[in-house]
């Protein structure tokens, strides 16, 4: 059991690590009061192989980002902002992104008894609203590939904390669970789940994709994707860990759409 903390209490790396039994992720952890981006901070540690599995947390990001350069909005102390550094992972980035999404959804469902779902490729939804996002970036570091898994979870926000334009599409754990969550407990559970799913990804990619399918919102739905500026509509019939969404197109044929070049049309 982790030491009891106040929901408003700043994150503490010692409390997060207390009794943590992970094999790789979170064995080392640091917390910053403020930074531009936890992903950028994690990259700075990538030159030292001993930092494999490092978890970098921040109370506030001044330049947090999501996919395609989208900004991540978060008031200080209201979210769980974390980046995990993986050095020399045998898994492709697409598979690690799926594993991270499964880990986040599992964490929220198990800890808070909410029904978190995954909107491909990196959004976590509760009741159709975004509660968390994942940004995986791949960098070269000292002749080794570095994967940085950035995760942001809205924890303590009220509806008024979101900009007016986001209130219809964003939510928080406090709103959905009807109670104030302990960010330290969420961090510990997240690192534990992520550790297990990253290990599973290396041993059995199919197990990750099977779990992802259980949480997916688009699977078996008709959707429209935007791929390199072009729109494609069809039914999502599967997900491939390396090649992305598999659509049976309205125009005929089956095509795969990778996450790096594809987004979901919000009107679909």
Foldseek 3Di string as FASTA:
>chain_A
DFDDDDLQDDDDLCSLCVVQDFDFASPAEDEEAEEQAQLVVLVVVQQDPVQANYKYWYQYHNNYAAPPGHGDDDDGSQKTKIKTKHKQQPFDPLLLQLLLQLLLQVLCCVPLVFQWFDEPPFFIDGPQAGFKGWHWDWDDYNNIIMIMIIMMGGAHDDLVSDDPVRSVHHDHSCVRSVHHDRSSSSSNSSRRSSSVSSVCCRVPSVVSQVSNVVRHDQAQHWFWKQFQNDIWIAHFPGADSAQGTWGQTPVGDIDTHDPNGMDTDPVD
